[in-house]
Protein backbone atom coordinates (compact mmCIF):
# COMPACT_ATOMS: atom_id res chain seq x y z
CA UNK A 1 98.21 98.03 127.34
CA UNK A 2 98.63 96.11 130.67
CA UNK A 3 98.36 92.82 132.08
CA UNK A 4 95.30 92.15 133.86
CA UNK A 5 96.09 88.89 134.97
CA UNK A 6 99.39 86.69 134.70
CA UNK A 7 97.63 83.15 135.59
CA UNK A 8 99.46 80.35 133.69
CA UNK A 9 101.78 82.86 132.14
CA UNK A 10 105.20 81.62 130.45
CA UNK A 11 107.73 81.51 133.23
CA UNK A 12 110.84 84.14 133.19
CA UNK A 13 114.25 82.84 132.98
CA UNK A 14 114.54 82.42 136.72
CA UNK A 15 111.34 80.17 136.77
CA UNK A 16 112.64 78.07 134.11
CA UNK A 17 115.70 77.30 136.28
CA UNK A 18 113.39 76.03 138.62
CA UNK A 19 112.25 73.49 136.04
CA UNK A 20 109.47 75.31 134.16
CA UNK A 21 109.60 75.06 130.39
CA UNK A 22 109.00 77.85 127.94
CA UNK A 23 106.16 77.12 125.59
CA UNK A 24 106.72 75.89 122.17
CA UNK A 25 103.65 77.98 120.79
CA UNK A 26 102.07 81.37 122.16
CA UNK A 27 98.66 81.51 120.66
CA UNK A 28 96.90 84.70 120.61
CA UNK A 29 93.31 85.51 120.60
CA UNK A 30 92.00 88.80 120.15
CA UNK A 31 88.30 89.76 121.29
CA UNK A 32 86.33 93.10 121.64
CA UNK A 33 82.86 91.89 122.49
CA UNK A 34 81.16 89.85 125.26
CA UNK A 35 79.15 88.65 122.01
CA UNK A 36 81.75 86.81 120.36
CA UNK A 37 81.81 82.94 121.03
CA UNK A 38 85.42 83.30 123.05
CA UNK A 39 84.89 80.33 125.01
CA UNK A 40 84.48 78.15 121.95
CA UNK A 41 87.69 79.48 120.47
CA UNK A 42 89.40 78.91 124.11
CA UNK A 43 88.18 75.34 124.25
CA UNK A 44 89.44 74.44 120.81
CA UNK A 45 92.75 75.39 121.98
CA UNK A 46 93.06 74.21 125.59
CA UNK A 47 90.90 71.23 125.24
CA UNK A 48 92.25 69.97 122.02
CA UNK A 49 95.70 71.59 121.29
CA UNK A 50 97.04 72.60 124.77
CA UNK A 51 100.25 70.64 125.22
CA UNK A 52 103.22 72.97 124.70
CA UNK A 53 101.12 76.00 124.23
CA UNK A 54 100.49 79.07 126.14
CA UNK A 55 97.32 81.05 125.51
CA UNK A 56 96.67 84.71 125.63
CA UNK A 57 93.50 86.40 125.24
CA UNK A 58 93.73 90.04 124.51
CA UNK A 59 90.73 92.15 125.28
CA UNK A 60 90.49 94.89 123.19
CA UNK A 61 88.92 98.10 124.38
CA UNK A 62 86.96 96.13 126.77
CA UNK A 63 87.86 94.82 130.31
CA UNK A 64 89.29 91.36 130.93
CA UNK A 65 86.75 90.97 133.96
CA UNK A 66 83.95 91.23 131.26
CA UNK A 67 85.44 88.46 129.13
CA UNK A 68 86.74 86.15 131.99
CA UNK A 69 83.38 84.88 133.09
CA UNK A 70 82.24 83.67 129.63
CA UNK A 71 85.07 81.14 129.52
CA UNK A 72 84.45 77.50 130.86
CA UNK A 73 85.65 77.82 134.64
CA UNK A 74 88.37 75.20 134.39
CA UNK A 75 89.81 77.60 131.43
CA UNK A 76 89.92 80.86 133.33
CA UNK A 77 93.07 80.34 134.88
CA UNK A 78 94.79 78.78 132.23
CA UNK A 79 95.31 81.94 129.95
CA UNK A 80 97.10 84.94 130.19
CA UNK A 81 94.84 88.04 130.22
CA UNK A 82 95.76 91.06 128.48
CA UNK A 83 94.03 94.41 127.98
CA UNK A 84 94.73 96.41 125.07
CA UNK A 85 93.23 99.97 124.21
CA UNK A 86 93.53 101.90 121.26
CA UNK A 87 91.34 104.23 118.99
CA UNK A 88 90.87 101.55 116.01
CA UNK A 89 88.14 99.01 115.38
CA UNK A 90 90.87 96.57 113.64
CA UNK A 91 92.03 93.71 115.58
CA UNK A 92 95.81 94.63 114.46
CA UNK A 93 96.56 96.33 117.81
CA UNK A 94 95.63 93.65 119.91
CA UNK A 95 97.37 91.12 118.03
CA UNK A 96 100.63 93.34 117.75
CA UNK A 97 100.14 93.51 121.74
CA UNK A 98 99.81 89.60 121.90
CA UNK A 99 102.59 88.91 119.65
CA UNK A 100 104.96 91.29 121.63
CA UNK A 101 104.16 89.49 124.87
CA UNK A 102 104.85 86.17 123.22
CA UNK A 103 107.66 83.94 124.88
CA UNK A 104 107.37 80.78 122.51
CA UNK A 105 109.46 79.85 119.58
CA UNK A 106 106.23 80.45 117.58
CA UNK A 107 103.17 82.35 117.67
CA UNK A 108 99.82 81.71 116.43
CA UNK A 109 96.97 84.22 115.90
CA UNK A 110 93.35 83.44 116.01
CA UNK A 111 89.98 85.26 115.69
CA UNK A 112 87.39 84.86 118.53
CA UNK A 113 85.07 83.51 116.07
CA UNK A 114 87.45 80.84 114.99
CA UNK A 115 88.38 77.68 116.13
CA UNK A 116 91.33 75.08 115.65
CA UNK A 117 90.83 71.49 114.75
CA UNK A 118 92.00 69.04 117.21
CA UNK A 119 95.83 68.22 116.71
CA UNK A 120 96.25 71.42 114.41
CA UNK A 121 99.04 73.25 116.40
CA UNK A 122 100.95 70.04 117.03
CA UNK A 123 101.00 69.32 113.44
CA UNK A 124 102.10 72.94 112.30
CA UNK A 125 104.76 73.10 115.08
CA UNK A 126 106.23 69.59 114.17
CA UNK A 127 106.29 70.56 110.13
CA UNK A 128 108.00 73.62 111.14
CA UNK A 129 110.63 71.83 113.26
CA UNK A 130 111.12 69.17 110.57
CA UNK A 131 111.48 71.65 107.56
CA UNK A 132 113.30 74.60 109.56
CA UNK A 133 110.36 76.76 108.31
CA UNK A 134 110.03 80.43 109.92
CA UNK A 135 106.22 80.01 109.01
CA UNK A 136 103.71 77.44 108.44
CA UNK A 137 100.45 77.99 106.53
CA UNK A 138 97.51 76.30 107.93
CA UNK A 139 94.74 74.76 105.81
CA UNK A 140 91.69 76.55 106.14
CA UNK A 141 87.96 75.60 106.40
CA UNK A 142 85.00 77.76 106.92
CA UNK A 143 81.83 77.63 108.94
CA UNK A 144 80.08 74.62 110.40
CA UNK A 145 79.81 72.90 106.87
CA UNK A 146 83.78 73.07 107.00
CA UNK A 147 83.80 74.29 103.36
CA UNK A 148 87.34 74.07 102.13
CA UNK A 149 89.17 77.57 101.42
CA UNK A 150 91.51 76.68 98.53
CA UNK A 151 94.09 79.23 99.21
CA UNK A 152 96.85 79.94 98.51
CA UNK A 153 96.74 77.80 95.00
CA UNK A 154 100.12 76.51 95.35
CA UNK A 155 102.23 74.04 92.96
CA UNK A 156 100.80 70.58 93.62
CA UNK A 157 101.70 68.69 96.78
CA UNK A 158 104.21 71.28 97.35
CA UNK A 159 104.68 71.24 101.40
CA UNK A 160 108.05 72.98 102.16
CA UNK A 161 110.52 75.43 100.79
CA UNK A 162 107.49 77.33 99.24
CA UNK A 163 108.08 80.24 96.97
CA UNK A 164 106.27 83.52 97.00
CA UNK A 165 105.97 83.90 93.47
CA UNK A 166 105.61 80.01 92.24
CA UNK A 167 103.53 78.92 95.09
CA UNK A 168 101.12 82.29 94.51
CA UNK A 169 101.41 82.60 98.29
CA UNK A 170 99.93 86.23 98.37
CA UNK A 171 96.37 84.84 97.93
CA UNK A 172 96.75 83.77 101.64
CA UNK A 173 95.97 87.43 103.17
CA UNK A 174 96.59 86.35 106.63
CA UNK A 175 98.93 84.78 108.70
CA UNK A 176 96.95 81.96 109.90
CA UNK A 177 99.05 78.84 111.10
CA UNK A 178 102.59 79.73 112.67
CA UNK A 179 104.99 82.38 112.29
CA UNK A 180 108.48 82.15 114.49
CA UNK A 181 109.18 84.89 116.74
CA UNK A 182 112.59 85.20 115.36
CA UNK A 183 111.40 86.00 111.90
CA UNK A 184 108.73 88.35 113.37
CA UNK A 185 112.07 90.37 114.70
CA UNK A 186 114.29 89.72 111.78
CA UNK A 187 111.81 90.87 109.24
CA UNK A 188 110.29 93.86 111.61
CA UNK A 189 106.65 92.36 110.78
CA UNK A 190 103.85 94.42 112.64
CA UNK A 191 100.13 94.23 111.43
CA UNK A 192 98.95 97.74 110.46
CA UNK A 193 97.00 99.32 113.44
CA UNK A 194 95.41 102.26 111.33
CA UNK A 195 94.05 100.15 108.79
CA UNK A 196 90.17 99.34 109.33
CA UNK A 197 90.77 96.37 106.74
CA UNK A 198 93.77 94.79 105.39
CA UNK A 199 96.01 95.30 108.33
CA UNK A 200 97.64 91.85 107.77
CA UNK A 201 98.19 92.12 104.25
CA UNK A 202 101.73 93.78 104.44
CA UNK A 203 102.73 91.67 107.32
CA UNK A 204 101.93 88.47 105.08
CA UNK A 205 103.49 89.78 101.85
CA UNK A 206 106.84 90.43 103.28
CA UNK A 207 106.69 87.14 105.17
CA UNK A 208 106.02 85.33 102.09
CA UNK A 209 108.71 86.72 99.93
CA UNK A 210 111.51 86.91 102.56
CA UNK A 211 110.52 83.98 104.98
CA UNK A 212 111.21 80.44 104.52
CA UNK A 213 107.33 78.82 104.32
CA UNK A 214 105.85 75.56 104.86
CA UNK A 215 102.49 74.46 103.89
CA UNK A 216 100.54 72.04 106.34
CA UNK A 217 98.19 71.08 103.29
CA UNK A 218 96.93 67.76 104.58
CA UNK A 219 96.87 68.49 108.31
CA UNK A 220 94.06 69.49 110.81
CA UNK A 221 92.62 72.75 109.65
CA UNK A 222 92.11 76.27 111.17
CA UNK A 223 88.37 76.68 110.90
CA UNK A 224 87.04 80.20 110.14
CA UNK A 225 83.70 80.80 112.22
CA UNK A 226 80.50 82.68 110.61
CA UNK A 227 78.41 82.73 113.32
CA UNK A 228 79.11 85.70 115.41
CA UNK A 229 76.00 87.35 116.93
CA UNK A 230 77.20 91.03 117.13
CA UNK A 231 77.87 91.77 113.67
CA UNK A 232 76.72 95.06 112.28
CA UNK A 233 75.11 96.06 108.85
CA UNK A 234 77.71 96.41 106.48
CA UNK A 235 78.16 100.35 105.61
CA UNK A 236 80.57 100.72 102.58
CA UNK A 237 83.83 102.52 103.81
CA UNK A 238 85.22 105.41 101.37
CA UNK A 239 87.69 104.00 98.94
CA UNK A 240 90.57 105.93 100.73
CA UNK A 241 89.63 104.02 104.08
CA UNK A 242 88.92 100.49 102.50
CA UNK A 243 92.23 100.51 100.60
CA UNK A 244 94.52 102.50 102.75
CA UNK A 245 96.62 99.35 103.55
CA UNK A 246 97.61 99.16 100.11
CA UNK A 247 99.06 102.83 99.96
CA UNK A 248 101.24 101.90 102.94
CA UNK A 249 102.53 98.68 101.37
CA UNK A 250 103.32 100.44 98.04
CA UNK A 251 105.35 103.12 99.95
CA UNK A 252 107.10 100.53 102.28
CA UNK A 253 110.78 100.37 101.34
CA UNK A 254 110.88 96.76 101.71
CA UNK A 255 108.23 96.38 98.82
CA UNK A 256 110.37 98.61 96.61
CA UNK A 257 113.09 96.43 97.31
CA UNK A 258 111.38 93.22 96.12
CA UNK A 259 112.19 92.11 92.48
CA UNK A 260 109.73 93.12 89.80
CA UNK A 261 108.65 89.46 89.58
CA UNK A 262 107.74 89.31 93.14
CA UNK A 263 105.90 92.91 93.11
CA UNK A 264 104.11 91.72 89.96
CA UNK A 265 102.65 88.57 91.83
CA UNK A 266 101.71 90.69 94.95
CA UNK A 267 100.16 93.35 92.57
CA UNK A 268 97.91 90.96 90.56
CA UNK A 269 96.41 89.75 93.67
CA UNK A 270 95.85 93.08 94.81
CA UNK A 271 94.03 94.08 91.85
CA UNK A 272 91.88 90.98 91.78
CA UNK A 273 90.95 90.86 95.17
CA UNK A 274 91.27 94.13 97.03
CA UNK A 275 90.75 96.44 94.15
CA UNK A 276 87.90 94.76 92.11
CA UNK A 277 86.56 93.54 95.49
CA UNK A 278 86.02 97.15 96.46
CA UNK A 279 84.05 97.93 93.25
CA UNK A 280 82.06 94.40 93.56
CA UNK A 281 81.09 95.26 97.13
CA UNK A 282 79.64 98.73 96.13
CA UNK A 283 76.76 98.08 94.03
CA UNK A 284 74.89 101.14 94.95
CA UNK A 285 75.74 103.77 91.99
CA UNK A 286 75.06 106.50 94.49
CA UNK A 287 78.25 105.66 96.49
CA UNK A 288 80.23 106.49 93.52
CA UNK A 289 80.55 110.11 93.65
CA UNK A 290 83.38 111.85 91.66
CA UNK A 291 85.62 111.81 94.84
CA UNK A 292 85.21 107.92 95.13
CA UNK A 293 86.04 107.52 91.26
CA UNK A 294 89.04 109.57 91.66
CA UNK A 295 90.23 107.59 94.54
CA UNK A 296 89.70 104.37 93.00
CA UNK A 297 91.66 105.47 89.69
CA UNK A 298 94.49 106.87 91.92
CA UNK A 299 95.03 103.54 93.75
CA UNK A 300 94.67 101.48 90.41
CA UNK A 301 97.41 103.64 89.14
CA UNK A 302 99.84 103.34 91.94
CA UNK A 303 99.48 99.71 91.66
CA UNK A 304 100.40 99.52 88.09
CA UNK A 305 103.46 101.85 88.72
CA UNK A 306 104.51 99.56 91.39
CA UNK A 307 104.69 96.53 89.16
CA UNK A 308 104.85 97.33 85.60
CA UNK A 309 103.45 94.77 83.31
CA UNK A 310 101.47 93.03 86.20
CA UNK A 311 98.15 93.40 84.25
CA UNK A 312 99.23 91.33 81.35
CA UNK A 313 98.15 88.05 83.04
CA UNK A 314 94.51 89.54 83.64
CA UNK A 315 91.50 88.12 81.72
CA UNK A 316 89.63 90.08 79.13
CA UNK A 317 86.85 90.68 81.66
CA UNK A 318 89.12 91.86 84.32
CA UNK A 319 91.26 94.30 81.97
CA UNK A 320 87.75 95.64 80.93
CA UNK A 321 86.99 96.30 84.57
CA UNK A 322 90.54 97.60 85.15
CA UNK A 323 90.13 99.87 82.51
CA UNK A 324 87.11 101.39 83.81
CA UNK A 325 88.67 101.72 87.29
CA UNK A 326 91.74 103.76 85.67
CA UNK A 327 89.16 106.41 83.82
CA UNK A 328 86.52 108.05 85.72
CA UNK A 329 84.72 109.14 82.65
CA UNK A 330 83.55 105.46 82.33
CA UNK A 331 79.96 105.65 83.51
CA UNK A 332 79.47 104.16 86.78
CA UNK A 333 76.71 101.67 85.29
CA UNK A 334 79.56 100.36 83.14
CA UNK A 335 81.94 100.07 85.90
CA UNK A 336 79.59 97.98 88.05
CA UNK A 337 78.49 95.96 84.80
CA UNK A 338 82.07 95.07 84.27
CA UNK A 339 82.58 94.02 88.08
CA UNK A 340 79.72 91.51 87.83
CA UNK A 341 80.82 90.29 84.44
CA UNK A 342 84.22 89.45 85.70
CA UNK A 343 82.71 87.09 88.11
CA UNK A 344 80.94 85.02 85.56
CA UNK A 345 83.74 82.42 86.20
CA UNK A 346 84.37 79.86 83.57
CA UNK A 347 83.24 81.98 80.61
CA UNK A 348 85.73 82.59 77.85
CA UNK A 349 86.08 86.25 78.67
CA UNK A 350 87.12 85.22 82.30
CA UNK A 351 89.75 82.62 81.28
CA UNK A 352 91.37 84.35 77.74
CA UNK A 353 93.89 86.92 78.58
CA UNK A 354 93.94 90.16 76.54
CA UNK A 355 97.57 89.51 75.87
CA UNK A 356 97.48 85.97 74.40
CA UNK A 357 101.03 85.38 74.99
CA UNK A 358 100.20 85.36 78.69
CA UNK A 359 97.40 82.59 78.41
CA UNK A 360 99.35 79.99 80.30
CA UNK A 361 101.28 82.33 82.39
CA UNK A 362 101.50 81.30 86.26
CA UNK A 363 99.27 84.00 87.39
CA UNK A 364 96.72 83.88 84.31
CA UNK A 365 93.22 82.28 84.90
CA UNK A 366 93.73 79.17 83.54
CA UNK A 367 96.54 77.92 85.63
CA UNK A 368 95.17 79.59 88.64
CA UNK A 369 91.79 77.76 88.01
CA UNK A 370 93.85 74.38 87.95
CA UNK A 371 95.80 75.13 90.84
CA UNK A 372 93.00 76.12 93.12
CA UNK A 373 90.92 72.81 92.15
CA UNK A 374 94.15 70.75 93.15
CA UNK A 375 94.34 72.81 96.54
CA UNK A 376 90.73 71.40 97.45
């Protein structure tokens, strides 16, 4: 990685002595293609969130000279330009590079497809200042229709001193909002660069359980874009590749040191979103070779060993799918049918737990549904 241009870079200590002020927030945008709507992303920061902010654009395996002309002319000299090269398609590498180069009190990472609503950064910053939070979770909306994304399904009205277990924070899989640089250093937080997907899950899992967290639940949102023009047809990755990040998390010493309650909260989310999602996204029976079924069973067993008892809060439909993932002898057609059945939300089998004593547990479907509805 090297700096392509230091225009509008944050001042050094010597520069501060001459009257310049260190930014409160470093915003890092990663971009890998000229087809991404990077100008829109930059505009949303500099035109509507720029006070006290330093913006870094990290060009991933592409020259800054190719990206710079895409910005509005007034913005080209208002950003720090970095180039980052690696052998991964993941955005984890450029985001790590941008965070490492940050100088502000807080860092915010942002996809080049995404935008920030006016006033979002100021809202996050002052919430962090008022509460002493090391991280502020942003409210999320998606697409041009600004559909609310109801994660994490926290306790109603909770804004400060959130708890990773009680507020189900693991359902927020990315650090969208603010994270203090001090917390990043203290916890040794890094996105996993070798993971093609899920590289941010370990980062936030540790942050949610070991940091102090606030939630800007009524402030201006982070808006997830859905209109990039350079997307490629989705080709399912092998399970070993898709879920590599889970193996990394489960093997980490910090994860092993979490309490059983914390590990259960994380693993339930990993099962529902990542393991079951991997099956749902692979509806072609031809994908499910003996090797793929074996890999699926292996990661399911690892998850259950990491947090004994986590499966107790799953619905009847979820448990049937879990049983099929654990046993490669269950037919592929049954595996896929169970993946479909668990998504028939609101039906009794997707609400009732196999262990009736867990019906009203915090992570059981009934309370999860209520909490998600109250998050909207």
